[in-house]
Amino acid sequence: MIVRYKGEKLDYKPDYYGKEVLWIMSPRQTQMPGMTFVGGYPDEYCIFMETLSEDEQVAIRQQLKNK
């Protein structure tokens, strides 16, 4: 599902291990604060939800509820 975070659209979904993550949708998003390279391909960058503040997590989950 697509969510907004810091003015950017990111793809919310669990990773291979079931952790909640926000995946990039554009190569320019790799420079966002908190973005982590997690794979062997150049486009495998994400932000782990667990690293976000409680308020940020609540805001993202609210977006998911409204979809």
C-alpha atoms as a PDB file:
ATOM      1  CA  MET A   1       0.000   0.000   0.000  1.00  0.00           C
ATOM      2  CA  ILE A   2       1.195   3.489  -0.783  1.00  0.00           C
ATOM      3  CA  VAL A   3       1.628   5.850   2.184  1.00  0.00           C
ATOM      4  CA  ARG A   4       2.986   9.352   2.593  1.00  0.00           C
ATOM      5  CA  TYR A   5       5.993   9.969   4.805  1.00  0.00           C
ATOM      6  CA  LYS A   6       7.868  13.290   4.953  1.00  0.00           C
ATOM      7  CA  GLY A   7       6.158  14.421   1.752  1.00  0.00           C
ATOM      8  CA  GLU A   8       7.142  11.304  -0.210  1.00  0.00           C
ATOM      9  CA  LYS A   9       5.081   8.365  -1.397  1.00  0.00           C
ATOM     10  CA  LEU A  10       6.527   5.073  -0.144  1.00  0.00           C
ATOM     11  CA  ASP A  11       5.347   1.489  -0.481  1.00  0.00           C
ATOM     12  CA  TYR A  12       4.367  -0.025   2.887  1.00  0.00           C
ATOM     13  CA  LYS A  13       4.672  -3.804   3.211  1.00  0.00           C
ATOM     14  CA  PRO A  14       6.375  -6.409   5.338  1.00  0.00           C
ATOM     15  CA  ASP A  15       9.862  -7.519   4.361  1.00  0.00           C
ATOM     16  CA  TYR A  16      10.981 -11.109   3.926  1.00  0.00           C
ATOM     17  CA  TYR A  17      11.184 -11.531   7.715  1.00  0.00           C
ATOM     18  CA  GLY A  18       7.800  -9.939   8.445  1.00  0.00           C
ATOM     19  CA  LYS A  19       9.108  -6.563   9.650  1.00  0.00           C
ATOM     20  CA  GLU A  20       7.070  -3.522   8.630  1.00  0.00           C
ATOM     21  CA  VAL A  21       8.969  -1.386   6.147  1.00  0.00           C
ATOM     22  CA  LEU A  22       8.535   1.577   3.821  1.00  0.00           C
ATOM     23  CA  TRP A  23      10.119   0.835   0.427  1.00  0.00           C
ATOM     24  CA  ILE A  24      11.352   3.469  -2.023  1.00  0.00           C
ATOM     25  CA  MET A  25       9.353   4.183  -5.158  1.00  0.00           C
ATOM     26  CA  SER A  26      11.977   6.387  -6.793  1.00  0.00           C
ATOM     27  CA  PRO A  27      15.802   6.252  -6.799  1.00  0.00           C
ATOM     28  CA  ARG A  28      15.990   9.816  -5.435  1.00  0.00           C
ATOM     29  CA  GLN A  29      14.368   8.592  -2.201  1.00  0.00           C
ATOM     30  CA  THR A  30      17.501   6.669  -1.246  1.00  0.00           C
ATOM     31  CA  GLN A  31      18.811   9.880   0.344  1.00  0.00           C
ATOM     32  CA  MET A  32      15.903  10.239   2.783  1.00  0.00           C
ATOM     33  CA  PRO A  33      16.832  10.198   6.485  1.00  0.00           C
ATOM     34  CA  GLY A  34      16.545   6.688   7.916  1.00  0.00           C
ATOM     35  CA  MET A  35      16.715   4.968   4.529  1.00  0.00           C
ATOM     36  CA  THR A  36      18.715   1.723   4.633  1.00  0.00           C
ATOM     37  CA  PHE A  37      20.143  -0.358   1.791  1.00  0.00           C
ATOM     38  CA  VAL A  38      18.916  -3.905   2.408  1.00  0.00           C
ATOM     39  CA  GLY A  39      19.608  -5.937  -0.698  1.00  0.00           C
ATOM     40  CA  GLY A  40      21.758  -6.837  -3.605  1.00  0.00           C
ATOM     41  CA  TYR A  41      19.848  -4.741  -6.139  1.00  0.00           C
ATOM     42  CA  PRO A  42      20.294  -0.964  -6.427  1.00  0.00           C
ATOM     43  CA  ASP A  43      16.615  -0.289  -5.653  1.00  0.00           C
ATOM     44  CA  GLU A  44      16.381  -2.245  -2.391  1.00  0.00           C
ATOM     45  CA  TYR A  45      16.165   0.601   0.101  1.00  0.00           C
ATOM     46  CA  CYS A  46      13.659   0.925   2.897  1.00  0.00           C
ATOM     47  CA  ILE A  47      12.886   2.547   6.217  1.00  0.00           C
ATOM     48  CA  PHE A  48      12.073   0.134   9.030  1.00  0.00           C
ATOM     49  CA  MET A  49       8.915   1.227  10.843  1.00  0.00           C
ATOM     50  CA  GLU A  50      10.448   0.266  14.196  1.00  0.00           C
ATOM     51  CA  THR A  51      13.019   3.056  13.763  1.00  0.00           C
ATOM     52  CA  LEU A  52      10.353   5.757  13.435  1.00  0.00           C
ATOM     53  CA  SER A  53       8.950   7.722  16.336  1.00  0.00           C
ATOM     54  CA  GLU A  54       5.689   6.551  17.878  1.00  0.00           C
ATOM     55  CA  ASP A  55       3.878   9.559  16.364  1.00  0.00           C
ATOM     56  CA  GLU A  56       5.209   8.754  12.878  1.00  0.00           C
ATOM     57  CA  GLN A  57       4.163   5.115  13.215  1.00  0.00           C
ATOM     58  CA  VAL A  58       0.669   6.141  14.339  1.00  0.00           C
ATOM     59  CA  ALA A  59       0.337   8.538  11.375  1.00  0.00           C
ATOM     60  CA  ILE A  60       1.337   5.831   8.905  1.00  0.00           C
ATOM     61  CA  ARG A  61      -0.962   3.228  10.451  1.00  0.00           C
ATOM     62  CA  GLN A  62      -3.812   5.743  10.302  1.00  0.00           C
ATOM     63  CA  GLN A  63      -3.222   6.076   6.557  1.00  0.00           C
ATOM     64  CA  LEU A  64      -3.384   2.292   6.226  1.00  0.00           C
ATOM     65  CA  LYS A  65      -6.697   2.159   8.120  1.00  0.00           C
ATOM     66  CA  ASN A  66      -8.230   4.749   5.804  1.00  0.00           C
ATOM     67  CA  LYS A  67      -7.458   2.760   2.650  1.00  0.00           C
END
